[in-house]
């Protein structure tokens, strides 16, 4: 990456069969990364089947069944060969996202991308105050109201 190039990198691995419009997901990922001050970083976005997500959910969280999104952060100083900070992996199950919001699965996927990135950056929603801050960021970047 050049000294003046601060465009976030998003590497996509689509391992499921549902048609997904990637451009809005890439755009919201880059906007979130830039807005959160990590424009010179990289992350991977994996779209997986429900079965793969259920396996990951059980293996890493200890809960059964598929979830919609999981985040796997890397250390703050993990750099790639070009010296770019690698944030980690965001894994989404589009089939679960579609069930969450059958009327607008595209907005649900955008929301999940933002949610996953915010987790990579250390945000959580375990306490009310932290949840309010995280939800405000999600709404701002994804353009989706969260009930």
N, C-alpha and C. Protein backbone atom coordinates (compact mmCIF):
# COMPACT_ATOMS: atom_id res chain seq x y z
N UNK A 1 0.85 -1.17 0.00
CA UNK A 1 0.00 0.00 0.00
C UNK A 1 0.89 1.23 0.00
N UNK A 2 0.63 2.21 -0.85
CA UNK A 2 1.41 3.43 -0.93
C UNK A 2 1.20 4.29 0.31
N UNK A 3 2.18 5.17 0.59
CA UNK A 3 2.08 6.06 1.75
C UNK A 3 0.77 6.83 1.76
N UNK A 4 0.31 7.32 0.59
CA UNK A 4 -0.90 8.13 0.53
C UNK A 4 -2.17 7.33 0.32
N UNK A 5 -2.08 6.04 0.16
CA UNK A 5 -3.25 5.20 -0.11
C UNK A 5 -3.82 4.69 1.20
N UNK A 6 -5.00 5.23 1.55
CA UNK A 6 -5.64 4.82 2.80
C UNK A 6 -7.02 4.27 2.52
N UNK A 7 -7.10 3.38 1.54
CA UNK A 7 -8.36 2.72 1.22
C UNK A 7 -8.37 1.37 1.92
N UNK A 8 -9.36 1.15 2.78
CA UNK A 8 -9.41 -0.15 3.46
C UNK A 8 -9.53 -1.29 2.47
N UNK A 9 -8.90 -2.39 2.82
CA UNK A 9 -9.00 -3.60 2.00
C UNK A 9 -9.98 -4.56 2.63
N UNK A 10 -10.88 -5.11 1.79
CA UNK A 10 -11.82 -6.12 2.25
C UNK A 10 -11.69 -7.31 1.30
N UNK A 11 -11.24 -8.42 1.83
CA UNK A 11 -11.08 -9.64 1.05
C UNK A 11 -12.32 -10.51 1.27
N UNK A 12 -12.96 -10.93 0.19
CA UNK A 12 -14.22 -11.68 0.29
C UNK A 12 -14.00 -13.14 -0.10
N UNK A 13 -14.58 -14.02 0.71
CA UNK A 13 -14.60 -15.45 0.42
C UNK A 13 -16.05 -15.91 0.55
N UNK A 14 -16.71 -16.13 -0.58
CA UNK A 14 -18.12 -16.52 -0.60
C UNK A 14 -18.19 -18.03 -0.74
N UNK A 15 -18.53 -18.71 0.38
CA UNK A 15 -18.56 -20.17 0.41
C UNK A 15 -19.98 -20.71 0.53
N UNK A 16 -20.95 -19.98 0.04
CA UNK A 16 -22.34 -20.41 0.09
C UNK A 16 -22.98 -20.12 -1.26
N UNK A 17 -24.20 -20.58 -1.48
CA UNK A 17 -24.78 -20.52 -2.83
C UNK A 17 -25.79 -19.41 -3.07
N UNK A 18 -26.24 -18.70 -2.04
CA UNK A 18 -27.23 -17.64 -2.24
C UNK A 18 -26.59 -16.46 -2.98
N UNK A 19 -27.37 -15.85 -3.85
CA UNK A 19 -26.90 -14.66 -4.56
C UNK A 19 -26.81 -13.50 -3.57
N UNK A 20 -25.65 -12.87 -3.50
CA UNK A 20 -25.42 -11.74 -2.60
C UNK A 20 -24.79 -10.62 -3.41
N UNK A 21 -25.37 -9.43 -3.31
CA UNK A 21 -24.81 -8.24 -3.95
C UNK A 21 -23.66 -7.75 -3.07
N UNK A 22 -22.45 -7.98 -3.51
CA UNK A 22 -21.28 -7.68 -2.68
C UNK A 22 -20.94 -6.19 -2.62
N UNK A 23 -21.25 -5.43 -3.65
CA UNK A 23 -20.83 -4.03 -3.69
C UNK A 23 -21.32 -3.23 -2.48
N UNK A 24 -22.60 -3.32 -2.10
CA UNK A 24 -23.01 -2.56 -0.91
C UNK A 24 -22.31 -3.03 0.38
N UNK A 25 -21.98 -4.30 0.45
CA UNK A 25 -21.29 -4.82 1.62
C UNK A 25 -19.86 -4.29 1.69
N UNK A 26 -19.20 -4.27 0.54
CA UNK A 26 -17.84 -3.75 0.49
C UNK A 26 -17.84 -2.25 0.80
N UNK A 27 -18.82 -1.53 0.26
CA UNK A 27 -18.90 -0.09 0.50
C UNK A 27 -19.10 0.22 1.98
N UNK A 28 -20.03 -0.49 2.63
CA UNK A 28 -20.29 -0.22 4.04
C UNK A 28 -19.11 -0.67 4.90
N UNK A 29 -18.43 -1.72 4.51
CA UNK A 29 -17.24 -2.15 5.26
C UNK A 29 -16.17 -1.07 5.19
N UNK A 30 -15.92 -0.56 4.00
CA UNK A 30 -14.89 0.48 3.85
C UNK A 30 -15.28 1.76 4.58
N UNK A 31 -16.56 2.13 4.50
CA UNK A 31 -17.04 3.33 5.19
C UNK A 31 -16.88 3.18 6.71
N UNK A 32 -17.21 2.01 7.22
CA UNK A 32 -17.08 1.76 8.66
C UNK A 32 -15.62 1.82 9.08
N UNK A 33 -14.77 1.17 8.34
CA UNK A 33 -13.35 1.16 8.69
C UNK A 33 -12.78 2.57 8.65
N UNK A 34 -13.11 3.33 7.62
CA UNK A 34 -12.63 4.70 7.51
C UNK A 34 -13.18 5.55 8.64
N UNK A 35 -14.48 5.43 8.90
CA UNK A 35 -15.11 6.21 9.96
C UNK A 35 -14.57 5.89 11.34
N UNK A 36 -14.11 4.67 11.53
CA UNK A 36 -13.56 4.26 12.81
C UNK A 36 -12.04 4.46 12.90
N UNK A 37 -11.47 5.11 11.87
CA UNK A 37 -10.06 5.46 11.92
C UNK A 37 -9.10 4.36 11.56
N UNK A 38 -9.58 3.35 10.83
CA UNK A 38 -8.68 2.27 10.41
C UNK A 38 -8.72 2.10 8.89
N UNK A 39 -8.58 3.21 8.19
CA UNK A 39 -8.61 3.17 6.73
C UNK A 39 -7.41 2.44 6.14
N UNK A 40 -6.34 2.36 6.90
CA UNK A 40 -5.13 1.69 6.41
C UNK A 40 -5.07 0.25 6.90
N UNK A 41 -6.23 -0.40 6.95
CA UNK A 41 -6.31 -1.77 7.47
C UNK A 41 -6.98 -2.69 6.47
N UNK A 42 -6.97 -3.97 6.82
CA UNK A 42 -7.54 -5.02 5.98
C UNK A 42 -8.34 -5.97 6.86
N UNK A 43 -9.41 -6.52 6.28
CA UNK A 43 -10.15 -7.58 6.95
C UNK A 43 -10.66 -8.55 5.91
N UNK A 44 -11.04 -9.73 6.38
CA UNK A 44 -11.66 -10.69 5.48
C UNK A 44 -13.13 -10.80 5.84
N UNK A 45 -13.95 -10.96 4.83
CA UNK A 45 -15.39 -11.13 4.97
C UNK A 45 -15.73 -12.46 4.32
N UNK A 46 -16.21 -13.40 5.12
CA UNK A 46 -16.57 -14.71 4.61
C UNK A 46 -18.08 -14.88 4.69
N UNK A 47 -18.67 -15.32 3.59
CA UNK A 47 -20.09 -15.66 3.53
C UNK A 47 -20.16 -17.17 3.52
N UNK A 48 -20.87 -17.73 4.51
CA UNK A 48 -20.83 -19.18 4.72
C UNK A 48 -22.24 -19.77 4.78
N UNK A 49 -22.30 -21.08 4.67
CA UNK A 49 -23.56 -21.81 4.79
C UNK A 49 -23.99 -21.85 6.26
N UNK A 50 -25.24 -22.20 6.48
CA UNK A 50 -25.72 -22.36 7.85
C UNK A 50 -24.96 -23.47 8.57
N UNK A 51 -24.66 -24.55 7.87
CA UNK A 51 -23.93 -25.66 8.49
C UNK A 51 -22.54 -25.22 8.94
N UNK A 52 -21.84 -24.49 8.10
CA UNK A 52 -20.50 -24.01 8.47
C UNK A 52 -20.60 -23.05 9.65
N UNK A 53 -21.60 -22.17 9.61
CA UNK A 53 -21.77 -21.20 10.70
C UNK A 53 -22.11 -21.92 12.00
N UNK A 54 -22.97 -22.94 11.94
CA UNK A 54 -23.30 -23.70 13.15
C UNK A 54 -22.05 -24.35 13.73
N UNK A 55 -21.18 -24.88 12.86
CA UNK A 55 -19.94 -25.49 13.32
C UNK A 55 -19.04 -24.44 13.99
N UNK A 56 -18.88 -23.29 13.37
CA UNK A 56 -18.06 -22.23 13.95
C UNK A 56 -18.65 -21.73 15.27
N UNK A 57 -19.95 -21.58 15.30
CA UNK A 57 -20.65 -21.09 16.48
C UNK A 57 -20.44 -22.03 17.67
N UNK A 58 -20.54 -23.32 17.41
CA UNK A 58 -20.34 -24.30 18.48
C UNK A 58 -18.87 -24.37 18.88
N UNK A 59 -17.99 -24.38 17.89
CA UNK A 59 -16.56 -24.55 18.17
C UNK A 59 -15.97 -23.35 18.93
N UNK A 60 -16.37 -22.13 18.56
CA UNK A 60 -15.73 -20.95 19.14
C UNK A 60 -16.54 -20.22 20.19
N UNK A 61 -17.86 -20.44 20.21
CA UNK A 61 -18.70 -19.75 21.18
C UNK A 61 -19.34 -20.74 22.16
N UNK A 62 -19.37 -22.01 21.77
CA UNK A 62 -19.94 -23.02 22.63
C UNK A 62 -21.46 -23.08 22.61
N UNK A 63 -22.06 -22.49 21.56
CA UNK A 63 -23.51 -22.50 21.42
C UNK A 63 -23.89 -23.27 20.17
N UNK A 64 -25.01 -23.99 20.25
CA UNK A 64 -25.44 -24.80 19.12
C UNK A 64 -26.27 -23.98 18.14
N UNK A 65 -26.29 -24.44 16.92
CA UNK A 65 -27.08 -23.81 15.87
C UNK A 65 -26.34 -22.66 15.22
N UNK A 66 -26.80 -22.27 14.04
CA UNK A 66 -26.14 -21.18 13.33
C UNK A 66 -26.52 -19.83 13.93
N UNK A 67 -25.62 -18.89 13.86
CA UNK A 67 -25.90 -17.50 14.21
C UNK A 67 -25.75 -16.69 12.93
N UNK A 68 -26.01 -15.40 12.98
CA UNK A 68 -25.93 -14.60 11.76
C UNK A 68 -24.52 -14.08 11.47
N UNK A 69 -23.77 -13.70 12.51
CA UNK A 69 -22.44 -13.13 12.30
C UNK A 69 -21.52 -13.52 13.46
N UNK A 70 -20.27 -13.78 13.11
CA UNK A 70 -19.21 -13.99 14.09
C UNK A 70 -18.01 -13.15 13.67
N UNK A 71 -17.27 -12.68 14.65
CA UNK A 71 -16.06 -11.91 14.39
C UNK A 71 -14.88 -12.58 15.06
N UNK A 72 -13.77 -12.60 14.35
CA UNK A 72 -12.54 -13.20 14.86
C UNK A 72 -11.43 -12.17 14.74
N UNK A 73 -11.24 -11.34 15.80
CA UNK A 73 -10.22 -10.30 15.73
C UNK A 73 -8.81 -10.87 15.83
N UNK A 74 -7.89 -10.19 15.16
CA UNK A 74 -6.48 -10.49 15.30
C UNK A 74 -5.88 -9.45 16.23
N UNK A 75 -4.66 -9.65 16.61
CA UNK A 75 -4.01 -8.69 17.50
C UNK A 75 -3.87 -7.32 16.85
N UNK A 76 -3.79 -6.31 17.67
CA UNK A 76 -3.74 -4.93 17.19
C UNK A 76 -2.54 -4.68 16.29
N UNK A 77 -1.49 -5.44 16.43
CA UNK A 77 -0.28 -5.16 15.67
C UNK A 77 0.02 -6.19 14.59
N UNK A 78 -0.95 -7.03 14.26
CA UNK A 78 -0.75 -7.99 13.18
C UNK A 78 -0.73 -7.24 11.85
N UNK A 79 0.36 -7.39 11.13
CA UNK A 79 0.53 -6.68 9.87
C UNK A 79 0.74 -7.67 8.74
N UNK A 80 0.29 -7.29 7.54
CA UNK A 80 0.55 -8.14 6.38
C UNK A 80 1.92 -7.79 5.80
N UNK A 81 2.25 -8.38 4.65
CA UNK A 81 3.57 -8.18 4.06
C UNK A 81 3.83 -6.74 3.63
N UNK A 82 2.76 -5.93 3.47
CA UNK A 82 2.92 -4.52 3.10
C UNK A 82 2.86 -3.60 4.30
N UNK A 83 2.82 -4.16 5.51
CA UNK A 83 2.75 -3.35 6.71
C UNK A 83 1.35 -2.84 7.01
N UNK A 84 0.33 -3.45 6.42
CA UNK A 84 -1.05 -3.04 6.64
C UNK A 84 -1.61 -3.82 7.82
N UNK A 85 -2.29 -3.13 8.72
CA UNK A 85 -2.90 -3.77 9.89
C UNK A 85 -4.01 -4.70 9.44
N UNK A 86 -4.00 -5.93 9.93
CA UNK A 86 -5.04 -6.91 9.62
C UNK A 86 -5.98 -6.98 10.83
N UNK A 87 -7.23 -6.58 10.63
CA UNK A 87 -8.18 -6.52 11.73
C UNK A 87 -8.66 -7.90 12.15
N UNK A 88 -8.91 -8.78 11.17
CA UNK A 88 -9.43 -10.11 11.46
C UNK A 88 -10.47 -10.53 10.45
N UNK A 89 -11.36 -11.42 10.88
CA UNK A 89 -12.35 -12.01 9.99
C UNK A 89 -13.76 -11.74 10.49
N UNK A 90 -14.64 -11.38 9.55
CA UNK A 90 -16.07 -11.28 9.82
C UNK A 90 -16.71 -12.39 9.00
N UNK A 91 -17.48 -13.24 9.67
CA UNK A 91 -18.12 -14.38 9.02
C UNK A 91 -19.63 -14.20 9.14
N UNK A 92 -20.32 -14.27 7.99
CA UNK A 92 -21.77 -14.04 7.95
C UNK A 92 -22.44 -15.22 7.25
N UNK A 93 -23.59 -15.61 7.78
CA UNK A 93 -24.43 -16.63 7.14
C UNK A 93 -25.62 -15.92 6.48
N UNK A 94 -25.57 -15.69 5.16
CA UNK A 94 -26.66 -14.97 4.49
C UNK A 94 -28.04 -15.60 4.68
N UNK A 95 -28.12 -16.92 4.78
CA UNK A 95 -29.43 -17.56 4.98
C UNK A 95 -30.04 -17.16 6.31
N UNK A 96 -29.22 -17.04 7.34
CA UNK A 96 -29.71 -16.62 8.64
C UNK A 96 -30.09 -15.14 8.59
N UNK A 97 -29.29 -14.34 7.92
CA UNK A 97 -29.60 -12.92 7.77
C UNK A 97 -30.94 -12.73 7.06
N UNK A 98 -31.19 -13.52 6.05
CA UNK A 98 -32.46 -13.42 5.32
C UNK A 98 -33.64 -13.78 6.22
N UNK A 99 -33.47 -14.77 7.07
CA UNK A 99 -34.53 -15.11 8.02
C UNK A 99 -34.76 -13.99 9.03
N UNK A 100 -33.69 -13.31 9.42
CA UNK A 100 -33.80 -12.20 10.37
C UNK A 100 -34.62 -11.06 9.80
N UNK A 101 -34.46 -10.82 8.50
CA UNK A 101 -35.14 -9.69 7.86
C UNK A 101 -35.53 -10.07 6.44
N UNK A 102 -36.57 -10.91 6.28
CA UNK A 102 -36.94 -11.39 4.95
C UNK A 102 -37.41 -10.27 4.02
N UNK A 103 -37.87 -9.18 4.58
CA UNK A 103 -38.33 -8.07 3.74
C UNK A 103 -37.20 -7.25 3.13
N UNK A 104 -36.03 -7.29 3.75
CA UNK A 104 -34.90 -6.50 3.25
C UNK A 104 -33.58 -7.16 3.67
N UNK A 105 -33.27 -8.31 3.08
CA UNK A 105 -32.04 -9.00 3.48
C UNK A 105 -30.77 -8.18 3.20
N UNK A 106 -30.81 -7.32 2.19
CA UNK A 106 -29.64 -6.49 1.89
C UNK A 106 -29.28 -5.57 3.04
N UNK A 107 -30.29 -4.95 3.66
CA UNK A 107 -29.99 -4.06 4.79
C UNK A 107 -29.51 -4.88 5.99
N UNK A 108 -30.05 -6.08 6.16
CA UNK A 108 -29.60 -6.94 7.25
C UNK A 108 -28.14 -7.33 7.06
N UNK A 109 -27.75 -7.65 5.84
CA UNK A 109 -26.36 -8.00 5.57
C UNK A 109 -25.44 -6.81 5.83
N UNK A 110 -25.85 -5.60 5.42
CA UNK A 110 -25.04 -4.40 5.70
C UNK A 110 -24.88 -4.22 7.21
N UNK A 111 -25.97 -4.37 7.93
CA UNK A 111 -25.93 -4.23 9.38
C UNK A 111 -24.97 -5.24 10.00
N UNK A 112 -25.01 -6.48 9.53
CA UNK A 112 -24.14 -7.52 10.07
C UNK A 112 -22.67 -7.26 9.76
N UNK A 113 -22.39 -6.72 8.58
CA UNK A 113 -21.00 -6.36 8.25
C UNK A 113 -20.50 -5.31 9.24
N UNK A 114 -21.29 -4.27 9.45
CA UNK A 114 -20.90 -3.22 10.39
C UNK A 114 -20.75 -3.79 11.80
N UNK A 115 -21.72 -4.59 12.22
CA UNK A 115 -21.68 -5.21 13.55
C UNK A 115 -20.39 -6.01 13.73
N UNK A 116 -20.06 -6.82 12.74
CA UNK A 116 -18.85 -7.63 12.81
C UNK A 116 -17.59 -6.79 12.89
N UNK A 117 -17.53 -5.73 12.09
CA UNK A 117 -16.34 -4.87 12.11
C UNK A 117 -16.20 -4.18 13.45
N UNK A 118 -17.30 -3.68 13.99
CA UNK A 118 -17.22 -3.02 15.30
C UNK A 118 -16.72 -3.99 16.37
N UNK A 119 -17.12 -5.25 16.31
CA UNK A 119 -16.58 -6.23 17.25
C UNK A 119 -15.08 -6.41 17.04
N UNK A 120 -14.64 -6.44 15.78
CA UNK A 120 -13.20 -6.56 15.52
C UNK A 120 -12.42 -5.41 16.17
N UNK A 121 -13.08 -4.25 16.25
CA UNK A 121 -12.43 -3.06 16.79
C UNK A 121 -12.62 -2.91 18.29
N UNK A 122 -13.21 -3.95 18.92
CA UNK A 122 -13.29 -3.97 20.37
C UNK A 122 -14.61 -3.50 20.97
N UNK A 123 -15.58 -3.15 20.16
CA UNK A 123 -16.89 -2.74 20.69
C UNK A 123 -17.66 -3.98 21.13
N UNK A 124 -18.50 -3.80 22.13
CA UNK A 124 -19.38 -4.90 22.53
C UNK A 124 -20.74 -4.34 22.93
N UNK A 125 -21.65 -5.23 23.22
CA UNK A 125 -23.01 -4.81 23.57
C UNK A 125 -23.52 -5.58 24.78
N UNK A 126 -22.61 -5.88 25.70
CA UNK A 126 -22.99 -6.64 26.88
C UNK A 126 -23.65 -5.77 27.94
N UNK A 127 -23.30 -4.50 27.99
CA UNK A 127 -23.89 -3.58 28.96
C UNK A 127 -24.67 -2.51 28.21
N UNK A 128 -25.69 -1.96 28.86
CA UNK A 128 -26.60 -1.02 28.21
C UNK A 128 -25.89 0.16 27.57
N UNK A 129 -24.97 0.77 28.29
CA UNK A 129 -24.27 1.94 27.77
C UNK A 129 -23.43 1.59 26.54
N UNK A 130 -22.70 0.49 26.61
CA UNK A 130 -21.89 0.04 25.47
C UNK A 130 -22.78 -0.32 24.28
N UNK A 131 -23.91 -0.96 24.57
CA UNK A 131 -24.85 -1.33 23.51
C UNK A 131 -25.38 -0.09 22.81
N UNK A 132 -25.74 0.93 23.57
CA UNK A 132 -26.26 2.16 22.98
C UNK A 132 -25.23 2.80 22.05
N UNK A 133 -23.96 2.82 22.48
CA UNK A 133 -22.90 3.38 21.63
C UNK A 133 -22.71 2.55 20.36
N UNK A 134 -22.69 1.23 20.53
CA UNK A 134 -22.48 0.36 19.37
C UNK A 134 -23.65 0.45 18.40
N UNK A 135 -24.87 0.44 18.92
CA UNK A 135 -26.06 0.52 18.06
C UNK A 135 -26.09 1.84 17.30
N UNK A 136 -25.69 2.94 17.95
CA UNK A 136 -25.66 4.24 17.26
C UNK A 136 -24.67 4.19 16.09
N UNK A 137 -23.53 3.59 16.30
CA UNK A 137 -22.55 3.46 15.22
C UNK A 137 -23.11 2.59 14.09
N UNK A 138 -23.73 1.47 14.46
CA UNK A 138 -24.30 0.58 13.44
C UNK A 138 -25.34 1.31 12.60
N UNK A 139 -26.23 2.04 13.26
CA UNK A 139 -27.26 2.77 12.53
C UNK A 139 -26.65 3.80 11.61
N UNK A 140 -25.62 4.50 12.09
CA UNK A 140 -24.97 5.54 11.27
C UNK A 140 -24.33 4.94 10.03
N UNK A 141 -23.56 3.88 10.20
CA UNK A 141 -22.84 3.32 9.05
C UNK A 141 -23.73 2.50 8.13
N UNK A 142 -24.60 1.67 8.70
CA UNK A 142 -25.42 0.76 7.88
C UNK A 142 -26.67 1.43 7.35
N UNK A 143 -27.07 2.54 7.97
CA UNK A 143 -28.30 3.20 7.53
C UNK A 143 -29.54 2.39 7.87
N UNK A 144 -29.45 1.61 8.93
CA UNK A 144 -30.55 0.71 9.33
C UNK A 144 -30.92 1.03 10.77
N UNK A 145 -32.19 1.27 11.03
CA UNK A 145 -32.67 1.48 12.40
C UNK A 145 -32.70 0.14 13.13
N UNK A 146 -32.22 0.16 14.36
CA UNK A 146 -32.20 -1.05 15.17
C UNK A 146 -33.21 -0.88 16.29
N UNK A 147 -34.14 -1.82 16.39
CA UNK A 147 -35.15 -1.68 17.46
C UNK A 147 -34.56 -1.83 18.85
